[in-house]
Amino acid sequence: MESAARYFEVDGLPHFGCLAHKLNLVIQDALKEIGDTLTKVQSLQELYDPVKKLAEKLKEGMKTRLGNLERNETISLSTILDPRFKLKAIKNKEQIEHLKNILKIKIINEINSKNQPVNSGEPVPSSSSSSSEPATSAANPVQLQTLSLWSEFDTETDKEFSLKTSDVGAAEELDKYLADNLIKRTERPLKY
């Protein structure tokens, strides 16, 4: 081998030994330095399979005992309303849309329940009451409003306007809330 190496040194060119052999020697020397570490890594790798099996068993047990938590409406709505999680914890896109619709309906119902007039117990005059005053009298505005041609129209449009307003308001409020940044998981959600 030495003669072959000398043969290539012709014309003053240096001899370069086998690159693969030199690389192998460098790696062997380096591995001697970290031999203890390699032994530890190999022992950790032996633990990998049992740990993986344990994780799978835990996941299976959670599904068996708790079921699919995303399908539990109360838990899912609570999760969405928690500013630490919102929609990040729900993976199923169809379920997200379903839950958003449920929340909108609940918000609309809440808005409508607060917007309904409270009955004060006072009798409401009817249009068929017999009165000696003419229907156009300014002295009795309640009777004038009751007999107005626009009264029924105004009543119906007010209902529709109220419903549309609460629909839009609910959608806007929910969208604003969901668009807000999450808070840190370690923060207190009631301070949101």
N, C-alpha and C. Protein backbone atom coordinates (compact mmCIF):
# COMPACT_ATOMS: atom_id res chain seq x y z
N MET A 1 0.83 -1.18 0.00
CA MET A 1 0.00 0.00 0.00
C MET A 1 0.88 1.24 0.00
N GLU A 2 1.97 1.13 0.73
CA GLU A 2 2.85 2.28 0.81
C GLU A 2 3.47 2.59 -0.54
N SER A 3 3.74 1.59 -1.29
CA SER A 3 4.33 1.83 -2.61
C SER A 3 3.31 2.49 -3.54
N ALA A 4 2.08 2.12 -3.39
CA ALA A 4 1.04 2.73 -4.20
C ALA A 4 0.89 4.19 -3.83
N ALA A 5 1.00 4.48 -2.54
CA ALA A 5 0.89 5.86 -2.09
C ALA A 5 2.05 6.68 -2.63
N ARG A 6 3.26 6.08 -2.64
CA ARG A 6 4.42 6.79 -3.17
C ARG A 6 4.29 7.01 -4.67
N TYR A 7 3.64 6.09 -5.32
CA TYR A 7 3.46 6.21 -6.76
C TYR A 7 2.64 7.45 -7.09
N PHE A 8 1.63 7.77 -6.21
CA PHE A 8 0.79 8.92 -6.47
C PHE A 8 1.42 10.24 -6.03
N GLU A 9 2.54 10.18 -5.33
CA GLU A 9 3.21 11.40 -4.92
C GLU A 9 4.07 11.97 -6.02
N VAL A 10 3.93 11.48 -7.20
CA VAL A 10 4.68 11.95 -8.34
C VAL A 10 4.33 13.40 -8.60
N ASP A 11 5.24 14.12 -9.05
CA ASP A 11 5.08 15.53 -9.36
C ASP A 11 4.72 16.36 -8.13
N GLY A 12 5.08 15.92 -6.91
CA GLY A 12 4.90 16.69 -5.70
C GLY A 12 3.47 16.76 -5.18
N LEU A 13 2.58 15.95 -5.71
CA LEU A 13 1.20 15.94 -5.22
C LEU A 13 1.13 15.13 -3.93
N PRO A 14 0.49 15.64 -2.90
CA PRO A 14 0.43 14.90 -1.64
C PRO A 14 -0.51 13.70 -1.75
N HIS A 15 -0.28 12.73 -0.92
CA HIS A 15 -1.13 11.53 -0.89
C HIS A 15 -2.29 11.77 0.09
N PHE A 16 -3.48 11.50 -0.35
CA PHE A 16 -4.67 11.54 0.51
C PHE A 16 -5.15 10.12 0.68
N GLY A 17 -5.20 9.66 1.91
CA GLY A 17 -5.65 8.31 2.20
C GLY A 17 -7.15 8.17 1.93
N CYS A 18 -7.63 6.99 2.14
CA CYS A 18 -9.05 6.69 1.89
C CYS A 18 -9.92 7.54 2.81
N LEU A 19 -10.76 8.34 2.25
CA LEU A 19 -11.63 9.23 3.02
C LEU A 19 -12.56 8.44 3.93
N ALA A 20 -13.13 7.39 3.44
CA ALA A 20 -14.07 6.59 4.23
C ALA A 20 -13.35 6.00 5.44
N HIS A 21 -12.11 5.53 5.26
CA HIS A 21 -11.35 4.95 6.36
C HIS A 21 -11.04 6.02 7.42
N LYS A 22 -10.65 7.22 6.97
CA LYS A 22 -10.33 8.30 7.91
C LYS A 22 -11.60 8.74 8.66
N LEU A 23 -12.67 8.81 7.96
CA LEU A 23 -13.94 9.21 8.59
C LEU A 23 -14.35 8.18 9.64
N ASN A 24 -14.20 6.90 9.33
CA ASN A 24 -14.52 5.83 10.26
C ASN A 24 -13.67 5.95 11.51
N LEU A 25 -12.38 6.26 11.38
CA LEU A 25 -11.49 6.41 12.54
C LEU A 25 -11.92 7.59 13.41
N VAL A 26 -12.29 8.70 12.79
CA VAL A 26 -12.75 9.87 13.55
C VAL A 26 -14.01 9.53 14.33
N ILE A 27 -14.95 8.86 13.70
CA ILE A 27 -16.22 8.51 14.36
C ILE A 27 -15.97 7.54 15.51
N GLN A 28 -15.11 6.54 15.31
CA GLN A 28 -14.80 5.58 16.38
C GLN A 28 -14.19 6.29 17.59
N ASP A 29 -13.29 7.22 17.35
CA ASP A 29 -12.69 7.97 18.46
C ASP A 29 -13.74 8.79 19.19
N ALA A 30 -14.63 9.42 18.45
CA ALA A 30 -15.68 10.24 19.07
C ALA A 30 -16.64 9.36 19.87
N LEU A 31 -17.00 8.21 19.36
CA LEU A 31 -17.92 7.31 20.05
C LEU A 31 -17.33 6.79 21.36
N LYS A 32 -16.01 6.65 21.41
CA LYS A 32 -15.36 6.24 22.66
C LYS A 32 -15.59 7.29 23.74
N GLU A 33 -15.59 8.54 23.33
CA GLU A 33 -15.79 9.63 24.28
C GLU A 33 -17.20 9.66 24.85
N ILE A 34 -18.19 9.29 24.05
CA ILE A 34 -19.60 9.36 24.50
C ILE A 34 -20.20 7.97 24.71
N GLY A 35 -19.40 7.00 24.97
CA GLY A 35 -19.86 5.62 25.14
C GLY A 35 -20.90 5.48 26.23
N ASP A 36 -20.71 6.14 27.37
CA ASP A 36 -21.68 6.05 28.47
C ASP A 36 -23.02 6.65 28.07
N THR A 37 -22.96 7.75 27.35
CA THR A 37 -24.19 8.40 26.89
C THR A 37 -24.94 7.49 25.93
N LEU A 38 -24.21 6.85 25.03
CA LEU A 38 -24.87 5.93 24.09
C LEU A 38 -25.57 4.79 24.81
N THR A 39 -24.95 4.30 25.85
CA THR A 39 -25.58 3.21 26.61
C THR A 39 -26.88 3.69 27.24
N LYS A 40 -26.89 4.92 27.76
CA LYS A 40 -28.10 5.48 28.36
C LYS A 40 -29.19 5.67 27.32
N VAL A 41 -28.82 6.17 26.14
CA VAL A 41 -29.80 6.39 25.07
C VAL A 41 -30.41 5.06 24.64
N GLN A 42 -29.57 4.02 24.55
CA GLN A 42 -30.09 2.71 24.16
C GLN A 42 -31.06 2.18 25.21
N SER A 43 -30.79 2.43 26.50
CA SER A 43 -31.70 1.98 27.54
C SER A 43 -33.01 2.77 27.50
N LEU A 44 -32.93 4.07 27.15
CA LEU A 44 -34.15 4.86 27.01
C LEU A 44 -34.99 4.37 25.84
N GLN A 45 -34.32 3.97 24.78
CA GLN A 45 -35.05 3.47 23.62
C GLN A 45 -35.80 2.19 23.97
N GLU A 46 -35.24 1.40 24.88
CA GLU A 46 -35.90 0.19 25.32
C GLU A 46 -37.17 0.53 26.10
N LEU A 47 -37.19 1.68 26.75
CA LEU A 47 -38.37 2.11 27.49
C LEU A 47 -39.44 2.71 26.57
N TYR A 48 -39.09 3.08 25.37
CA TYR A 48 -40.01 3.76 24.47
C TYR A 48 -41.26 2.93 24.20
N ASP A 49 -41.10 1.68 23.86
CA ASP A 49 -42.26 0.84 23.53
C ASP A 49 -43.23 0.69 24.71
N PRO A 50 -42.74 0.39 25.92
CA PRO A 50 -43.69 0.31 27.05
C PRO A 50 -44.39 1.63 27.34
N VAL A 51 -43.68 2.74 27.20
CA VAL A 51 -44.29 4.05 27.45
C VAL A 51 -45.35 4.33 26.39
N LYS A 52 -45.06 3.98 25.16
CA LYS A 52 -46.03 4.17 24.08
C LYS A 52 -47.28 3.33 24.34
N LYS A 53 -47.10 2.09 24.78
CA LYS A 53 -48.24 1.23 25.10
C LYS A 53 -49.05 1.81 26.26
N LEU A 54 -48.37 2.36 27.26
CA LEU A 54 -49.06 2.98 28.39
C LEU A 54 -49.90 4.16 27.93
N ALA A 55 -49.34 5.00 27.08
CA ALA A 55 -50.08 6.16 26.57
C ALA A 55 -51.31 5.73 25.79
N GLU A 56 -51.19 4.71 24.97
CA GLU A 56 -52.32 4.20 24.19
C GLU A 56 -53.40 3.65 25.12
N LYS A 57 -52.98 2.94 26.18
CA LYS A 57 -53.93 2.37 27.13
C LYS A 57 -54.67 3.48 27.89
N LEU A 58 -53.94 4.52 28.26
CA LEU A 58 -54.58 5.65 28.95
C LEU A 58 -55.60 6.34 28.03
N LYS A 59 -55.23 6.53 26.79
CA LYS A 59 -56.13 7.17 25.82
C LYS A 59 -57.39 6.32 25.63
N GLU A 60 -57.20 5.03 25.51
CA GLU A 60 -58.33 4.11 25.34
C GLU A 60 -59.24 4.15 26.57
N GLY A 61 -58.63 4.15 27.76
CA GLY A 61 -59.41 4.21 29.01
C GLY A 61 -60.20 5.50 29.13
N MET A 62 -59.61 6.62 28.72
CA MET A 62 -60.30 7.90 28.76
C MET A 62 -61.52 7.88 27.85
N LYS A 63 -61.36 7.34 26.65
CA LYS A 63 -62.49 7.26 25.72
C LYS A 63 -63.58 6.36 26.28
N THR A 64 -63.17 5.24 26.89
CA THR A 64 -64.15 4.28 27.42
C THR A 64 -64.93 4.89 28.58
N ARG A 65 -64.22 5.53 29.48
CA ARG A 65 -64.87 6.03 30.70
C ARG A 65 -65.52 7.39 30.52
N LEU A 66 -64.97 8.23 29.68
CA LEU A 66 -65.51 9.59 29.52
C LEU A 66 -66.26 9.79 28.22
N GLY A 67 -66.09 8.89 27.27
CA GLY A 67 -66.76 9.03 25.98
C GLY A 67 -66.14 10.15 25.17
N ASN A 68 -66.81 10.53 24.12
CA ASN A 68 -66.32 11.61 23.26
C ASN A 68 -66.79 12.93 23.86
N LEU A 69 -65.88 13.63 24.51
CA LEU A 69 -66.25 14.87 25.20
C LEU A 69 -66.72 15.95 24.25
N GLU A 70 -66.28 15.91 23.00
CA GLU A 70 -66.73 16.92 22.04
C GLU A 70 -68.21 16.77 21.74
N ARG A 71 -68.75 15.58 21.92
CA ARG A 71 -70.17 15.35 21.66
C ARG A 71 -71.04 15.75 22.84
N ASN A 72 -70.44 16.00 23.99
CA ASN A 72 -71.19 16.44 25.16
C ASN A 72 -71.40 17.94 25.02
N GLU A 73 -72.63 18.32 24.78
CA GLU A 73 -72.95 19.72 24.47
C GLU A 73 -72.58 20.67 25.61
N THR A 74 -72.87 20.29 26.83
CA THR A 74 -72.58 21.17 27.96
C THR A 74 -71.09 21.41 28.10
N ILE A 75 -70.30 20.35 28.02
CA ILE A 75 -68.85 20.49 28.15
C ILE A 75 -68.29 21.28 26.97
N SER A 76 -68.78 21.01 25.77
CA SER A 76 -68.28 21.72 24.59
C SER A 76 -68.62 23.21 24.65
N LEU A 77 -69.84 23.55 25.04
CA LEU A 77 -70.21 24.96 25.15
C LEU A 77 -69.39 25.65 26.25
N SER A 78 -69.17 24.95 27.34
CA SER A 78 -68.35 25.51 28.41
C SER A 78 -66.92 25.75 27.94
N THR A 79 -66.42 24.84 27.14
CA THR A 79 -65.06 24.98 26.61
C THR A 79 -64.97 26.19 25.69
N ILE A 80 -65.96 26.36 24.82
CA ILE A 80 -65.95 27.50 23.90
C ILE A 80 -66.04 28.81 24.67
N LEU A 81 -66.81 28.82 25.74
CA LEU A 81 -66.98 30.04 26.52
C LEU A 81 -65.81 30.31 27.45
N ASP A 82 -64.92 29.36 27.59
CA ASP A 82 -63.72 29.56 28.42
C ASP A 82 -62.68 30.31 27.57
N PRO A 83 -62.29 31.51 27.98
CA PRO A 83 -61.38 32.32 27.15
C PRO A 83 -59.98 31.73 27.02
N ARG A 84 -59.70 30.66 27.74
CA ARG A 84 -58.40 30.00 27.60
C ARG A 84 -58.38 29.01 26.44
N PHE A 85 -59.56 28.54 26.03
CA PHE A 85 -59.62 27.48 25.02
C PHE A 85 -60.40 27.87 23.76
N LYS A 86 -61.60 28.42 23.96
CA LYS A 86 -62.51 28.79 22.87
C LYS A 86 -62.62 27.63 21.87
N LEU A 87 -62.34 27.89 20.59
CA LEU A 87 -62.52 26.86 19.56
C LEU A 87 -61.31 25.96 19.39
N LYS A 88 -60.21 26.25 20.08
CA LYS A 88 -58.98 25.48 19.91
C LYS A 88 -59.11 24.05 20.41
N ALA A 89 -60.00 23.81 21.34
CA ALA A 89 -60.14 22.48 21.92
C ALA A 89 -61.11 21.58 21.15
N ILE A 90 -61.86 22.15 20.22
CA ILE A 90 -62.82 21.37 19.43
C ILE A 90 -62.20 21.13 18.06
N LYS A 91 -62.07 19.88 17.68
CA LYS A 91 -61.39 19.55 16.42
C LYS A 91 -62.34 19.41 15.24
N ASN A 92 -63.55 18.97 15.49
CA ASN A 92 -64.52 18.70 14.43
C ASN A 92 -65.16 20.02 13.97
N LYS A 93 -64.92 20.40 12.72
CA LYS A 93 -65.41 21.68 12.18
C LYS A 93 -66.94 21.75 12.17
N GLU A 94 -67.59 20.62 11.84
CA GLU A 94 -69.06 20.60 11.83
C GLU A 94 -69.60 20.82 13.25
N GLN A 95 -68.93 20.22 14.23
CA GLN A 95 -69.34 20.38 15.62
C GLN A 95 -69.17 21.84 16.06
N ILE A 96 -68.11 22.49 15.59
CA ILE A 96 -67.89 23.90 15.92
C ILE A 96 -69.05 24.75 15.41
N GLU A 97 -69.44 24.54 14.16
CA GLU A 97 -70.55 25.32 13.59
C GLU A 97 -71.85 25.05 14.34
N HIS A 98 -72.08 23.79 14.68
CA HIS A 98 -73.29 23.42 15.44
C HIS A 98 -73.30 24.13 16.79
N LEU A 99 -72.18 24.12 17.47
CA LEU A 99 -72.09 24.76 18.79
C LEU A 99 -72.22 26.28 18.69
N LYS A 100 -71.66 26.87 17.65
CA LYS A 100 -71.81 28.31 17.45
C LYS A 100 -73.27 28.68 17.25
N ASN A 101 -74.00 27.87 16.48
CA ASN A 101 -75.43 28.12 16.27
C ASN A 101 -76.21 28.00 17.58
N ILE A 102 -75.87 27.01 18.39
CA ILE A 102 -76.54 26.86 19.69
C ILE A 102 -76.29 28.09 20.56
N LEU A 103 -75.04 28.55 20.57
CA LEU A 103 -74.71 29.75 21.37
C LEU A 103 -75.46 30.97 20.86
N LYS A 104 -75.56 31.13 19.54
CA LYS A 104 -76.28 32.28 18.99
C LYS A 104 -77.74 32.24 19.42
N ILE A 105 -78.35 31.07 19.36
CA ILE A 105 -79.76 30.93 19.76
C ILE A 105 -79.92 31.27 21.24
N LYS A 106 -79.00 30.79 22.06
CA LYS A 106 -79.07 31.09 23.50
C LYS A 106 -78.89 32.59 23.76
N ILE A 107 -77.99 33.23 23.02
CA ILE A 107 -77.78 34.67 23.19
C ILE A 107 -79.02 35.44 22.73
N ILE A 108 -79.59 35.03 21.59
CA ILE A 108 -80.81 35.68 21.07
C ILE A 108 -81.94 35.55 22.09
N ASN A 109 -82.12 34.37 22.63
CA ASN A 109 -83.18 34.16 23.63
C ASN A 109 -82.95 35.04 24.85
N GLU A 110 -81.71 35.18 25.26
CA GLU A 110 -81.40 36.03 26.41
C GLU A 110 -81.69 37.49 26.10
N ILE A 111 -81.29 37.94 24.91
CA ILE A 111 -81.55 39.33 24.51
C ILE A 111 -83.05 39.58 24.43
N ASN A 112 -83.77 38.65 23.80
CA ASN A 112 -85.22 38.82 23.66
C ASN A 112 -85.93 38.80 25.01
N SER A 113 -85.46 37.97 25.92
CA SER A 113 -86.12 37.92 27.23
C SER A 113 -85.92 39.23 27.99
N LYS A 114 -84.79 39.90 27.77
CA LYS A 114 -84.55 41.18 28.43
C LYS A 114 -85.26 42.32 27.73
N ASN A 115 -85.60 42.16 26.45
CA ASN A 115 -86.25 43.22 25.69
C ASN A 115 -87.77 43.17 25.76
N GLN A 116 -88.33 42.11 26.32
CA GLN A 116 -89.79 42.02 26.40
C GLN A 116 -90.29 43.00 27.45
N PRO A 117 -91.35 43.74 27.10
CA PRO A 117 -91.88 44.71 28.06
C PRO A 117 -92.51 44.00 29.26
N VAL A 118 -92.33 44.60 30.41
CA VAL A 118 -92.91 44.04 31.62
C VAL A 118 -94.32 44.59 31.75
N ASN A 119 -95.30 43.73 31.98
CA ASN A 119 -96.69 44.14 32.11
C ASN A 119 -96.86 44.82 33.46
N SER A 120 -97.27 46.08 33.43
CA SER A 120 -97.40 46.87 34.66
C SER A 120 -98.71 46.61 35.37
N GLY A 121 -99.59 45.85 34.79
CA GLY A 121 -100.87 45.56 35.41
C GLY A 121 -101.95 46.56 35.04
N GLU A 122 -101.62 47.58 34.29
CA GLU A 122 -102.61 48.57 33.88
C GLU A 122 -103.39 48.03 32.69
N PRO A 123 -104.68 48.26 32.66
CA PRO A 123 -105.47 47.78 31.52
C PRO A 123 -105.12 48.56 30.25
N VAL A 124 -105.07 47.84 29.15
CA VAL A 124 -104.79 48.45 27.86
C VAL A 124 -106.12 48.75 27.19
N PRO A 125 -106.34 49.99 26.77
CA PRO A 125 -107.62 50.32 26.14
C PRO A 125 -107.77 49.58 24.82
N SER A 126 -108.98 49.15 24.53
CA SER A 126 -109.22 48.46 23.27
C SER A 126 -109.88 49.41 22.28
N SER A 127 -109.82 49.03 21.02
CA SER A 127 -110.38 49.89 19.97
C SER A 127 -111.90 49.85 19.96
N SER A 128 -112.49 48.88 20.63
CA SER A 128 -113.95 48.77 20.61
C SER A 128 -114.59 49.44 21.81
N SER A 129 -113.80 50.11 22.63
CA SER A 129 -114.39 50.76 23.80
C SER A 129 -115.25 51.93 23.35
N SER A 130 -116.34 52.11 24.03
CA SER A 130 -117.25 53.21 23.66
C SER A 130 -116.80 54.45 24.40
N SER A 131 -116.54 55.44 23.65
CA SER A 131 -116.08 56.69 24.23
C SER A 131 -116.86 57.83 23.61
N SER A 132 -117.10 58.83 24.41
CA SER A 132 -117.84 59.97 23.89
C SER A 132 -116.92 60.89 23.10
N GLU A 133 -115.57 60.71 23.28
CA GLU A 133 -114.63 61.55 22.54
C GLU A 133 -114.39 60.98 21.16
N PRO A 134 -114.17 61.81 20.18
CA PRO A 134 -113.87 61.32 18.85
C PRO A 134 -112.50 60.64 18.83
N ALA A 135 -112.28 59.76 17.85
CA ALA A 135 -111.06 58.97 17.73
C ALA A 135 -109.84 59.83 17.48
N THR A 136 -110.02 61.04 16.98
CA THR A 136 -108.88 61.88 16.64
C THR A 136 -108.52 62.85 17.74
N SER A 137 -109.07 62.65 18.93
CA SER A 137 -108.82 63.59 20.02
C SER A 137 -107.39 63.48 20.49
N ALA A 138 -106.76 64.61 20.70
CA ALA A 138 -105.40 64.64 21.21
C ALA A 138 -105.39 64.45 22.72
N ALA A 139 -106.55 64.54 23.36
CA ALA A 139 -106.64 64.39 24.80
C ALA A 139 -106.36 62.95 25.23
N ASN A 140 -106.58 61.97 24.37
CA ASN A 140 -106.36 60.57 24.70
C ASN A 140 -105.43 59.94 23.66
N PRO A 141 -104.09 60.08 23.81
CA PRO A 141 -103.16 59.58 22.80
C PRO A 141 -103.14 58.05 22.71
N VAL A 142 -103.42 57.34 23.81
CA VAL A 142 -103.43 55.88 23.77
C VAL A 142 -104.53 55.40 22.83
N GLN A 143 -105.71 56.00 22.96
CA GLN A 143 -106.83 55.62 22.10
C GLN A 143 -106.51 55.98 20.66
N LEU A 144 -105.89 57.10 20.41
CA LEU A 144 -105.53 57.52 19.06
C LEU A 144 -104.55 56.52 18.44
N GLN A 145 -103.57 56.08 19.24
CA GLN A 145 -102.58 55.13 18.72
C GLN A 145 -103.24 53.78 18.43
N THR A 146 -104.17 53.36 19.27
CA THR A 146 -104.85 52.09 19.09
C THR A 146 -105.68 52.08 17.82
N LEU A 147 -106.27 53.21 17.49
CA LEU A 147 -107.13 53.28 16.32
C LEU A 147 -106.38 53.66 15.05
N SER A 148 -105.10 53.86 15.14
CA SER A 148 -104.31 54.27 13.99
C SER A 148 -104.25 53.15 12.94
N LEU A 149 -104.26 53.55 11.67
CA LEU A 149 -104.12 52.58 10.58
C LEU A 149 -102.75 51.90 10.62
N TRP A 150 -101.76 52.59 11.12
CA TRP A 150 -100.39 52.07 11.14
C TRP A 150 -100.09 51.22 12.37
N SER A 151 -101.00 51.19 13.30
CA SER A 151 -100.77 50.49 14.56
C SER A 151 -100.38 49.03 14.35
N GLU A 152 -101.17 48.30 13.58
CA GLU A 152 -100.89 46.88 13.35
C GLU A 152 -99.58 46.70 12.59
N PHE A 153 -99.36 47.54 11.59
CA PHE A 153 -98.12 47.48 10.81
C PHE A 153 -96.91 47.73 11.70
N ASP A 154 -96.99 48.78 12.53
CA ASP A 154 -95.88 49.11 13.42
C ASP A 154 -95.60 47.98 14.40
N THR A 155 -96.65 47.37 14.90
CA THR A 155 -96.48 46.27 15.85
C THR A 155 -95.73 45.11 15.19
N GLU A 156 -96.13 44.74 13.99
CA GLU A 156 -95.49 43.64 13.27
C GLU A 156 -94.04 43.95 12.90
N THR A 157 -93.79 45.15 12.39
CA THR A 157 -92.41 45.49 12.01
C THR A 157 -91.51 45.63 13.23
N ASP A 158 -92.07 46.11 14.35
CA ASP A 158 -91.27 46.19 15.57
C ASP A 158 -90.82 44.80 16.01
N LYS A 159 -91.71 43.81 15.91
CA LYS A 159 -91.34 42.43 16.26
C LYS A 159 -90.22 41.93 15.35
N GLU A 160 -90.38 42.14 14.06
CA GLU A 160 -89.38 41.68 13.09
C GLU A 160 -88.06 42.39 13.30
N PHE A 161 -88.11 43.70 13.52
CA PHE A 161 -86.89 44.48 13.75
C PHE A 161 -86.18 43.99 15.00
N SER A 162 -86.95 43.74 16.05
CA SER A 162 -86.39 43.27 17.31
C SER A 162 -85.70 41.92 17.12
N LEU A 163 -86.34 41.00 16.37
CA LEU A 163 -85.74 39.69 16.13
C LEU A 163 -84.47 39.80 15.30
N LYS A 164 -84.52 40.62 14.24
CA LYS A 164 -83.34 40.77 13.40
C LYS A 164 -82.21 41.44 14.17
N THR A 165 -82.55 42.40 14.97
CA THR A 165 -81.53 43.09 15.76
C THR A 165 -80.87 42.14 16.73
N SER A 166 -81.66 41.30 17.40
CA SER A 166 -81.07 40.38 18.36
C SER A 166 -80.26 39.30 17.63
N ASP A 167 -80.71 38.87 16.43
CA ASP A 167 -79.94 37.90 15.65
C ASP A 167 -78.58 38.48 15.29
N VAL A 168 -78.59 39.69 14.76
CA VAL A 168 -77.34 40.34 14.35
C VAL A 168 -76.47 40.61 15.56
N GLY A 169 -77.08 41.10 16.63
CA GLY A 169 -76.33 41.39 17.84
C GLY A 169 -75.67 40.14 18.42
N ALA A 170 -76.41 39.04 18.43
CA ALA A 170 -75.87 37.78 18.96
C ALA A 170 -74.70 37.31 18.11
N ALA A 171 -74.88 37.34 16.80
CA ALA A 171 -73.81 36.90 15.90
C ALA A 171 -72.58 37.77 16.04
N GLU A 172 -72.79 39.09 16.13
CA GLU A 172 -71.66 40.02 16.26
C GLU A 172 -70.92 39.79 17.58
N GLU A 173 -71.66 39.67 18.66
CA GLU A 173 -71.03 39.48 19.97
C GLU A 173 -70.23 38.17 20.01
N LEU A 174 -70.82 37.11 19.49
CA LEU A 174 -70.13 35.82 19.49
C LEU A 174 -68.88 35.88 18.61
N ASP A 175 -69.01 36.47 17.43
CA ASP A 175 -67.85 36.58 16.54
C ASP A 175 -66.74 37.42 17.16
N LYS A 176 -67.11 38.51 17.83
CA LYS A 176 -66.09 39.36 18.49
C LYS A 176 -65.38 38.57 19.59
N TYR A 177 -66.15 37.85 20.38
CA TYR A 177 -65.56 37.06 21.47
C TYR A 177 -64.61 36.01 20.92
N LEU A 178 -65.05 35.28 19.91
CA LEU A 178 -64.22 34.21 19.36
C LEU A 178 -62.98 34.75 18.64
N ALA A 179 -63.06 35.97 18.12
CA ALA A 179 -61.92 36.57 17.43
C ALA A 179 -60.87 37.10 18.40
N ASP A 180 -61.28 37.38 19.64
CA ASP A 180 -60.32 37.84 20.65
C ASP A 180 -59.24 36.77 20.85
N ASN A 181 -58.06 37.23 21.25
CA ASN A 181 -56.98 36.29 21.55
C ASN A 181 -57.34 35.44 22.76
N LEU A 182 -56.78 34.24 22.78
CA LEU A 182 -56.93 33.39 23.96
C LEU A 182 -56.13 34.00 25.09
N ILE A 183 -56.55 33.69 26.30
CA ILE A 183 -55.71 34.07 27.43
C ILE A 183 -54.86 32.86 27.78
N LYS A 184 -53.80 33.06 28.54
CA LYS A 184 -52.93 31.94 28.91
C LYS A 184 -53.72 30.94 29.74
N ARG A 185 -53.38 29.68 29.56
CA ARG A 185 -54.08 28.61 30.25
C ARG A 185 -53.98 28.77 31.77
N THR A 186 -52.89 29.36 32.24
CA THR A 186 -52.68 29.51 33.68
C THR A 186 -53.38 30.74 34.26
N GLU A 187 -53.94 31.60 33.40
CA GLU A 187 -54.65 32.78 33.87
C GLU A 187 -56.05 32.40 34.34
N ARG A 188 -56.63 33.26 35.12
CA ARG A 188 -57.96 33.01 35.64
C ARG A 188 -59.00 33.47 34.63
N PRO A 189 -59.83 32.56 34.14
CA PRO A 189 -60.80 32.91 33.09
C PRO A 189 -61.87 33.90 33.53
N LEU A 190 -62.18 33.96 34.81
CA LEU A 190 -63.22 34.88 35.27
C LEU A 190 -62.74 36.32 35.29
N LYS A 191 -61.43 36.53 35.18
CA LYS A 191 -60.91 37.89 35.08
C LYS A 191 -60.99 38.43 33.66
N TYR A 192 -61.32 37.57 32.69
CA TYR A 192 -61.42 37.96 31.29
C TYR A 192 -62.46 39.02 31.17
